[in-house]
Amino acid sequence: MLRARARRLTSFVSFVFLFGFALLGISWSQPAHAICLKPYALKAAPQPSSARGRKQGKAKSKSSPQKVQPQALGCRNDPIPGMPGPIQVPSGVDTDGRYTVSWGRASGNPTYYQWREAKNGKLGTWQSTYGTSVTLTGRGNGSYYYVVKACNHFACGDWRQSATFEVVLPPTAVTSISAPATNNTGTYTISWGSASGQVTAYQYRESSNDGASYGAWVSVGSARSRTFSGKTDGHYRYQVRACHKSVCGPVKTSGRVSVVRRPSPVASVSIPARSATGQYTVSWSASGGPKVTHYQYRESSNGGSTYGAWVSTGTTRSRNFYGKSDGRYRYQVRACNGAVCSGVTTSAVIDVRNRPSVPGTPSVPAQVVGGDYVVSWSRSLGHVSFYQLQERISGGNFATIASRITGTSFSVR
């Protein structure tokens, strides 16, 4: 009998509820979360990172009853939010450590999202945000991915993981670059200072037209210098940069390197051993280069003790001399490329002894008494070391009677 009364009471209660729903226009087939028969206070959502640091009001007394705001009422059968939409992160490589991570909104009416960052495989702590994106700055070198999940006041849904990408920050510019201003051999070295940041390689490139254009970048690894050889005449410049993987820092440009190669010395200088006229020719062999714009010679009139100024002959490899006075002459020759000249090649000595002019007609007495007489003549032009006196008797041949007369007369006995 008691069981029958209980069944009748249950039926009556069910009728009252169904009748009440009908009066309110509520269908029993609606989702369970659309109505709550027993409201209760919801747990407060974790404070998002954007709200952290806000000043909180004074805490209420523990004895005060908690007031539940209407928006804080919920139902235990609210659905758990779905998985967020795809996560957007930088594609491949980020080069400044500043970027935005965003994702699609989750189903199930989430009230906030939680995300966390993984750097080099190590996951950080969960952070909260109301929106569907976060902008991050100051990220250092490394590989990153992100995990995001949607939450309501009761629980969080499944999380979604982003693709992995790298942050590769460029190094700074190298501190300096050193290159010679001039070079005469075509072989020289450039060097540069270090760069700050993570550096995996240094690169340089060359201009052979004084910086008007540059060639391709060349990597030298961790080296901070490069030696060049076989460079032809011209004006060169260099640019250097430091790189971290595929990301490179600012460029540093060198000063001009002017290459003017020094010619090789001439092999020999030809000159006669002596001259009796003060007229002769000096000639020399060609330089082996690599480039000769002109030749130069200089003269010594004291056998090589001192030399005069250099004289250019253009590309001519000989020089004629006239009217040289008596003396011991020597010559030096060099090949030049612009203002850059080879070492000198020195000739042998030429001894110039100009032949004197014919002396004046000898003067003799018309008649000699006693057998002794004096023969005299006027001085010859030019340098005279001595005179020779010859005599012919009665139409015979001339014979030398005095060979080293220093004056202009001689006593015949």
Protein backbone atom coordinates (compact mmCIF):
# COMPACT_ATOMS: atom_id res chain seq x y z
CA MET A 1 0.00 0.00 0.00
CA LEU A 2 2.87 2.33 0.79
CA ARG A 3 4.41 1.53 -2.59
CA ALA A 4 1.19 2.45 -4.34
CA ARG A 5 1.08 5.80 -2.54
CA ALA A 6 4.71 6.52 -3.55
CA ARG A 7 3.95 5.78 -7.21
CA ARG A 8 0.93 8.10 -7.10
CA LEU A 9 3.07 10.88 -5.50
CA THR A 10 5.79 10.50 -8.15
CA SER A 11 3.26 10.68 -10.94
CA PHE A 12 1.76 13.80 -9.40
CA VAL A 13 5.16 15.52 -9.12
CA SER A 14 6.02 14.60 -12.72
CA PHE A 15 2.67 16.01 -13.85
CA VAL A 16 3.30 19.26 -11.98
CA PHE A 17 6.76 19.67 -13.58
CA LEU A 18 5.55 18.87 -17.06
CA PHE A 19 2.56 21.17 -16.65
CA GLY A 20 4.87 23.92 -15.42
CA PHE A 21 7.20 23.48 -18.40
CA ALA A 22 4.23 23.67 -20.75
CA LEU A 23 3.04 26.91 -19.14
CA LEU A 24 6.57 28.38 -19.53
CA GLY A 25 6.81 27.28 -23.17
CA ILE A 26 9.81 25.07 -22.49
CA SER A 27 10.17 21.89 -24.50
CA TRP A 28 11.49 18.85 -22.68
CA SER A 29 13.52 17.89 -25.74
CA GLN A 30 15.78 21.00 -25.53
CA PRO A 31 19.47 20.47 -24.63
CA ALA A 32 20.12 19.85 -21.00
CA HIS A 33 22.29 22.96 -20.64
CA ALA A 34 19.43 25.25 -21.77
CA ILE A 35 17.70 25.10 -18.38
CA CYS A 36 18.81 24.54 -14.82
CA LEU A 37 16.45 23.11 -12.26
CA LYS A 38 19.00 23.72 -9.50
CA PRO A 39 21.24 26.79 -10.06
CA TYR A 40 24.50 26.98 -8.17
CA ALA A 41 27.52 29.30 -7.93
CA LEU A 42 30.18 28.75 -10.60
CA LYS A 43 33.88 28.59 -9.89
CA ALA A 44 35.75 31.73 -10.86
CA ALA A 45 37.69 31.35 -14.12
CA PRO A 46 41.50 31.46 -13.84
CA GLN A 47 42.60 35.03 -14.26
CA PRO A 48 43.99 35.57 -17.79
CA SER A 49 47.52 36.86 -18.16
CA SER A 50 46.15 40.12 -19.54
CA ALA A 51 44.31 40.73 -16.29
CA ARG A 52 47.18 39.83 -13.99
CA GLY A 53 48.64 42.59 -11.97
CA ARG A 54 45.34 44.48 -11.63
CA LYS A 55 44.70 45.81 -8.18
CA GLN A 56 42.20 43.74 -6.26
CA GLY A 57 39.59 45.18 -3.92
CA LYS A 58 39.65 44.43 -0.23
CA ALA A 59 38.78 40.84 0.63
CA LYS A 60 35.31 40.37 2.09
CA SER A 61 34.88 39.13 5.62
CA LYS A 62 34.74 35.37 5.90
CA SER A 63 31.48 35.72 7.85
CA SER A 64 29.76 37.57 5.00
CA PRO A 65 27.58 35.34 2.81
CA GLN A 66 28.79 35.00 -0.77
CA LYS A 67 26.59 36.82 -3.23
CA VAL A 68 26.15 35.00 -6.49
CA GLN A 69 25.72 37.27 -9.50
CA PRO A 70 23.29 36.17 -12.18
CA GLN A 71 26.06 35.67 -14.74
CA ALA A 72 27.88 33.46 -12.25
CA LEU A 73 25.08 30.91 -12.24
CA GLY A 74 25.52 27.85 -14.36
CA CYS A 75 24.60 24.28 -14.80
CA ARG A 76 26.74 21.28 -14.13
CA ASN A 77 25.63 19.82 -17.43
CA ASP A 78 27.05 22.73 -19.57
CA PRO A 79 29.08 21.15 -22.41
CA ILE A 80 32.92 21.09 -22.26
CA PRO A 81 34.35 23.42 -24.95
CA GLY A 82 35.67 21.83 -28.10
CA MET A 83 39.22 21.93 -29.44
CA PRO A 84 40.38 25.35 -30.70
CA GLY A 85 40.72 25.87 -34.43
CA PRO A 86 44.10 25.59 -36.21
CA ILE A 87 46.92 27.58 -34.62
CA GLN A 88 48.70 30.15 -36.78
CA VAL A 89 52.42 30.68 -36.06
CA PRO A 90 55.31 32.10 -38.15
CA SER A 91 56.06 29.95 -41.14
CA GLY A 92 59.51 28.35 -41.02
CA VAL A 93 61.76 31.04 -39.50
CA ASP A 94 61.16 34.22 -37.52
CA THR A 95 64.06 36.69 -37.55
CA ASP A 96 63.20 39.26 -34.88
CA GLY A 97 61.67 37.33 -31.96
CA ARG A 98 58.37 39.22 -32.25
CA TYR A 99 55.26 37.51 -33.63
CA THR A 100 51.58 36.72 -33.03
CA VAL A 101 50.12 33.29 -32.23
CA SER A 102 46.43 32.99 -33.12
CA TRP A 103 43.85 30.20 -33.30
CA GLY A 104 40.28 29.51 -34.36
CA ARG A 105 37.44 29.83 -31.87
CA ALA A 106 36.41 26.61 -30.15
CA SER A 107 32.85 25.28 -30.11
CA GLY A 108 30.85 25.01 -26.88
CA ASN A 109 30.84 28.71 -25.91
CA PRO A 110 34.24 28.88 -24.14
CA THR A 111 34.80 31.76 -21.73
CA TYR A 112 38.60 31.87 -21.98
CA TYR A 113 41.61 30.05 -23.46
CA GLN A 114 44.80 28.69 -22.02
CA TRP A 115 48.07 28.46 -23.93
CA ARG A 116 51.63 27.52 -23.21
CA GLU A 117 54.91 27.77 -25.02
CA ALA A 118 57.49 25.08 -25.78
CA LYS A 119 61.05 26.20 -26.47
CA ASN A 120 63.54 23.61 -27.67
CA GLY A 121 61.07 20.90 -26.61
CA LYS A 122 60.55 22.17 -23.04
CA LEU A 123 56.98 23.21 -22.21
CA GLY A 124 56.32 26.26 -20.06
CA THR A 125 53.41 26.99 -17.73
CA TRP A 126 49.82 27.57 -18.83
CA GLN A 127 48.83 31.18 -19.49
CA SER A 128 45.25 32.48 -19.88
CA THR A 129 43.66 34.94 -22.29
CA TYR A 130 40.11 35.92 -23.26
CA GLY A 131 40.96 36.39 -26.93
CA THR A 132 42.05 34.07 -29.70
CA SER A 133 45.57 35.44 -30.14
CA VAL A 134 48.61 36.55 -28.19
CA THR A 135 51.46 38.81 -29.40
CA LEU A 136 54.88 37.79 -28.12
CA THR A 137 58.16 39.69 -28.10
CA GLY A 138 61.74 39.17 -26.99
CA ARG A 139 61.96 35.53 -28.06
CA GLY A 140 65.52 34.29 -28.40
CA ASN A 141 67.13 31.78 -30.73
CA GLY A 142 65.54 28.33 -30.64
CA SER A 143 62.69 26.14 -31.88
CA TYR A 144 59.15 26.88 -30.68
CA TYR A 145 55.64 25.46 -30.76
CA TYR A 146 52.45 26.34 -28.86
CA VAL A 147 49.61 24.40 -27.21
CA VAL A 148 46.12 25.96 -26.82
CA LYS A 149 42.91 24.72 -25.16
CA ALA A 150 39.46 26.28 -24.63
CA CYS A 151 37.87 26.45 -21.16
CA ASN A 152 34.63 27.44 -19.42
CA HIS A 153 33.95 27.85 -15.71
CA PHE A 154 33.91 24.10 -15.11
CA ALA A 155 36.50 22.46 -17.33
CA CYS A 156 38.82 22.75 -20.35
CA GLY A 157 38.55 20.88 -23.60
CA ASP A 158 41.18 19.05 -25.60
CA TRP A 159 44.28 21.02 -26.52
CA ARG A 160 45.68 21.63 -29.98
CA GLN A 161 49.39 21.89 -30.84
CA SER A 162 50.85 24.25 -33.44
CA ALA A 163 53.52 23.55 -36.00
CA THR A 164 57.13 23.99 -34.90
CA PHE A 165 59.15 26.95 -36.19
CA GLU A 166 62.50 28.55 -35.45
CA VAL A 167 63.53 31.93 -34.14
CA VAL A 168 66.86 32.81 -35.76
CA LEU A 169 68.10 36.24 -34.74
CA PRO A 170 70.72 37.94 -36.95
CA PRO A 171 74.12 38.84 -35.45
CA THR A 172 75.25 42.45 -35.27
CA ALA A 173 77.56 43.99 -37.85
CA VAL A 174 81.26 43.15 -37.53
CA THR A 175 83.07 45.77 -35.49
CA SER A 176 85.57 46.74 -38.21
CA ILE A 177 87.14 45.70 -41.51
CA SER A 178 90.80 46.22 -42.42
CA ALA A 179 92.22 46.28 -45.95
CA PRO A 180 95.41 47.83 -47.43
CA ALA A 181 94.94 51.13 -49.25
CA THR A 182 97.53 50.22 -51.91
CA ASN A 183 99.16 47.02 -53.09
CA ASN A 184 101.97 46.43 -55.62
CA THR A 185 101.99 42.63 -55.83
CA GLY A 186 98.37 41.53 -56.33
CA THR A 187 98.56 39.56 -53.07
CA TYR A 188 97.06 40.96 -49.87
CA THR A 189 94.88 40.09 -46.85
CA ILE A 190 91.68 41.63 -45.51
CA SER A 191 90.51 41.00 -41.94
CA TRP A 192 87.56 42.01 -39.78
CA GLY A 193 86.41 42.18 -36.17
CA SER A 194 83.90 39.90 -34.51
CA ALA A 195 80.11 40.30 -34.41
CA SER A 196 77.85 40.02 -31.36
CA GLY A 197 75.12 37.40 -31.14
CA GLN A 198 75.15 33.82 -32.34
CA VAL A 199 77.41 33.51 -35.41
CA THR A 200 77.65 30.33 -37.47
CA ALA A 201 79.66 31.82 -40.36
CA TYR A 202 81.12 35.00 -41.79
CA GLN A 203 80.64 35.96 -45.44
CA TYR A 204 82.40 38.40 -47.75
CA ARG A 205 81.91 39.62 -51.29
CA GLU A 206 84.20 41.53 -53.64
CA SER A 207 83.88 44.48 -55.97
CA SER A 208 86.50 44.91 -58.70
CA ASN A 209 85.10 48.26 -59.88
CA ASP A 210 85.51 50.36 -56.73
CA GLY A 211 82.12 49.41 -55.27
CA ALA A 212 79.89 49.95 -58.30
CA SER A 213 78.80 46.30 -58.12
CA TYR A 214 79.63 43.22 -56.05
CA GLY A 215 79.97 39.51 -56.71
CA ALA A 216 78.33 36.63 -54.86
CA TRP A 217 78.68 36.11 -51.11
CA VAL A 218 81.40 33.65 -50.08
CA SER A 219 81.35 31.91 -46.69
CA VAL A 220 84.59 31.50 -44.71
CA GLY A 221 83.11 29.77 -41.66
CA SER A 222 84.43 31.13 -38.39
CA ALA A 223 87.55 32.66 -40.00
CA ARG A 224 87.87 36.43 -39.79
CA SER A 225 90.35 37.06 -42.60
CA ARG A 226 90.90 36.20 -46.24
CA THR A 227 94.07 36.35 -48.37
CA PHE A 228 93.84 37.18 -52.08
CA SER A 229 96.49 36.59 -54.73
CA GLY A 230 96.90 37.14 -58.46
CA LYS A 231 94.84 40.32 -58.46
CA THR A 232 95.24 42.46 -61.57
CA ASP A 233 95.54 46.24 -61.53
CA GLY A 234 92.36 47.96 -60.38
CA HIS A 235 90.36 49.34 -57.45
CA TYR A 236 88.79 46.74 -55.14
CA ARG A 237 86.36 46.95 -52.21
CA TYR A 238 84.99 44.28 -49.88
CA GLN A 239 81.82 43.78 -47.83
CA VAL A 240 81.61 41.48 -44.80
CA ARG A 241 78.65 40.25 -42.74
CA ALA A 242 78.06 37.76 -39.92
CA CYS A 243 75.38 35.09 -40.29
CA HIS A 244 73.40 32.83 -37.98
CA LYS A 245 72.29 29.93 -40.15
CA SER A 246 70.44 31.53 -43.08
CA VAL A 247 69.92 34.89 -41.36
CA CYS A 248 72.67 37.49 -41.77
CA GLY A 249 73.38 40.76 -40.04
CA PRO A 250 74.20 44.22 -41.43
CA VAL A 251 76.99 44.69 -43.98
CA LYS A 252 80.32 46.41 -43.24
CA THR A 253 82.20 47.85 -46.26
CA SER A 254 85.98 48.22 -46.55
CA GLY A 255 87.93 51.13 -47.93
CA ARG A 256 89.40 51.04 -51.44
CA VAL A 257 92.27 48.68 -52.24
CA SER A 258 94.25 50.10 -55.19
CA VAL A 259 96.29 47.39 -56.89
CA VAL A 260 99.14 48.64 -59.13
CA ARG A 261 101.52 45.76 -59.71
CA ARG A 262 105.23 46.48 -59.73
CA PRO A 263 106.99 45.44 -62.97
CA SER A 264 109.97 43.12 -62.86
CA PRO A 265 113.41 44.75 -63.33
CA VAL A 266 114.99 44.88 -66.78
CA ALA A 267 117.45 42.03 -67.23
CA SER A 268 120.40 44.00 -68.61
CA VAL A 269 121.69 47.41 -69.70
CA SER A 270 124.07 47.64 -72.67
CA ILE A 271 126.69 50.40 -73.02
CA PRO A 272 130.08 50.67 -74.82
CA ALA A 273 133.18 50.49 -72.67
CA ARG A 274 134.62 53.75 -74.03
CA SER A 275 133.93 56.64 -76.35
CA ALA A 276 136.38 58.97 -78.11
CA THR A 277 133.70 61.28 -79.43
CA GLY A 278 131.32 61.81 -76.48
CA GLN A 279 128.59 60.17 -78.53
CA TYR A 280 127.11 56.75 -77.66
CA THR A 281 123.87 54.80 -77.07
CA VAL A 282 122.56 53.09 -73.92
CA SER A 283 119.95 50.34 -74.42
CA TRP A 284 118.21 47.78 -72.19
CA SER A 285 116.10 44.64 -72.33
CA ALA A 286 112.33 44.57 -71.80
CA SER A 287 110.80 44.12 -68.36
CA GLY A 288 108.90 40.91 -67.72
CA GLY A 289 105.86 42.95 -66.62
CA PRO A 290 103.16 42.23 -65.67
CA LYS A 291 102.47 45.75 -66.93
CA VAL A 292 104.88 48.50 -68.03
CA THR A 293 103.69 52.01 -68.84
CA HIS A 294 107.16 53.52 -69.28
CA TYR A 295 110.89 53.16 -68.59
CA GLN A 296 113.18 55.53 -66.70
CA TYR A 297 116.94 56.04 -66.56
CA ARG A 298 119.30 58.18 -64.56
CA GLU A 299 122.95 59.10 -65.12
CA SER A 300 126.10 59.27 -63.04
CA SER A 301 129.05 61.28 -64.35
CA ASN A 302 131.41 60.15 -61.61
CA GLY A 303 131.43 56.41 -62.14
CA GLY A 304 128.33 55.71 -60.01
CA SER A 305 129.08 57.61 -56.81
CA THR A 306 126.02 59.82 -57.28
CA TYR A 307 123.14 59.93 -59.76
CA GLY A 308 120.93 62.62 -61.21
CA ALA A 309 117.14 62.72 -61.53
CA TRP A 310 115.09 60.01 -63.23
CA VAL A 311 114.20 60.66 -66.87
CA SER A 312 111.33 58.87 -68.65
CA THR A 313 111.75 57.42 -72.14
CA GLY A 314 108.14 56.23 -72.51
CA THR A 315 108.13 52.71 -73.88
CA THR A 316 111.43 53.26 -75.76
CA ARG A 317 114.22 51.01 -74.51
CA SER A 318 117.26 53.04 -75.54
CA ARG A 319 118.73 56.54 -75.30
CA ASN A 320 121.34 58.30 -77.47
CA PHE A 321 123.83 60.66 -75.87
CA TYR A 322 125.84 63.40 -77.62
CA GLY A 323 128.57 65.84 -76.67
CA LYS A 324 129.57 64.14 -73.48
CA SER A 325 132.71 65.55 -71.96
CA ASP A 326 135.49 63.37 -70.74
CA GLY A 327 134.57 61.31 -67.74
CA ARG A 328 133.40 57.97 -66.39
CA TYR A 329 129.66 57.52 -66.88
CA ARG A 330 127.26 54.92 -65.50
CA TYR A 331 123.48 54.48 -65.94
CA GLN A 332 120.60 52.93 -64.00
CA VAL A 333 117.33 51.80 -65.65
CA ARG A 334 113.96 50.75 -64.22
CA ALA A 335 110.52 49.79 -65.55
CA CYS A 336 107.42 51.55 -64.21
CA ASN A 337 103.68 50.90 -64.00
CA GLY A 338 102.28 54.34 -63.35
CA ALA A 339 103.95 55.59 -60.19
CA VAL A 340 105.11 52.10 -59.17
CA CYS A 341 108.53 51.15 -60.50
CA SER A 342 110.72 48.08 -60.47
CA GLY A 343 114.09 47.74 -58.89
CA VAL A 344 117.01 49.29 -60.76
CA THR A 345 119.46 47.63 -63.12
CA THR A 346 122.89 49.30 -63.31
CA SER A 347 125.09 49.47 -66.39
CA ALA A 348 128.84 49.10 -66.63
CA VAL A 349 131.02 52.24 -66.77
CA ILE A 350 131.72 53.98 -70.06
CA ASP A 351 135.01 55.90 -70.23
CA VAL A 352 134.62 58.98 -72.42
CA ARG A 353 137.88 60.42 -73.73
CA ASN A 354 137.10 62.84 -76.48
CA ARG A 355 139.72 63.01 -79.28
CA PRO A 356 141.43 66.46 -79.21
CA SER A 357 141.23 68.74 -82.22
CA VAL A 358 144.20 69.13 -84.56
CA PRO A 359 146.81 71.38 -83.01
CA GLY A 360 147.85 74.54 -84.75
CA THR A 361 150.56 74.34 -87.44
CA PRO A 362 153.95 73.82 -85.82
CA SER A 363 156.25 76.81 -85.93
CA VAL A 364 159.96 76.26 -86.63
CA PRO A 365 162.79 78.66 -87.47
CA ALA A 366 163.55 79.10 -91.16
CA GLN A 367 167.25 78.52 -90.57
CA VAL A 368 169.05 76.82 -87.72
CA VAL A 369 172.60 77.64 -86.67
CA GLY A 370 174.26 75.27 -84.26
CA GLY A 371 171.70 72.42 -84.55
CA ASP A 372 169.33 73.27 -81.63
CA TYR A 373 165.91 74.82 -82.20
CA VAL A 374 162.40 75.03 -80.71
CA VAL A 375 159.21 73.76 -82.30
CA SER A 376 155.95 75.31 -80.99
CA TRP A 377 152.21 75.05 -81.81
CA SER A 378 148.86 76.32 -80.62
CA ARG A 379 146.77 74.28 -78.13
CA SER A 380 144.25 71.74 -79.39
CA LEU A 381 140.59 72.02 -78.47
CA GLY A 382 139.29 69.39 -76.07
CA HIS A 383 140.97 67.52 -73.31
CA VAL A 384 144.67 66.92 -74.07
CA SER A 385 146.79 64.63 -71.99
CA PHE A 386 149.94 65.06 -74.05
CA TYR A 387 151.25 65.81 -77.53
CA GLN A 388 153.40 63.74 -79.84
CA LEU A 389 156.00 65.34 -82.08
CA GLN A 390 157.11 63.70 -85.32
CA GLU A 391 159.90 64.71 -87.67
CA ARG A 392 160.63 64.04 -91.36
CA ILE A 393 164.09 64.67 -92.81
CA SER A 394 164.77 65.30 -96.49
CA GLY A 395 161.48 63.89 -97.75
CA GLY A 396 161.65 60.71 -95.75
CA ASN A 397 158.96 59.23 -93.49
CA PHE A 398 157.74 60.86 -90.29
CA ALA A 399 159.23 59.47 -87.11
CA THR A 400 158.27 60.27 -83.54
CA ILE A 401 160.94 62.21 -81.74
CA ALA A 402 158.89 63.04 -78.60
CA SER A 403 155.79 61.13 -77.38
CA ARG A 404 154.56 62.72 -74.14
CA ILE A 405 154.88 66.45 -74.46
CA THR A 406 152.60 68.18 -71.96
CA GLY A 407 153.20 71.69 -73.24
CA THR A 408 152.85 73.31 -76.63
CA SER A 409 156.58 73.49 -77.49
CA PHE A 410 159.58 71.22 -77.66
CA SER A 411 163.35 71.85 -77.95
CA VAL A 412 164.99 69.79 -80.61
CA ARG A 413 168.66 69.08 -80.12
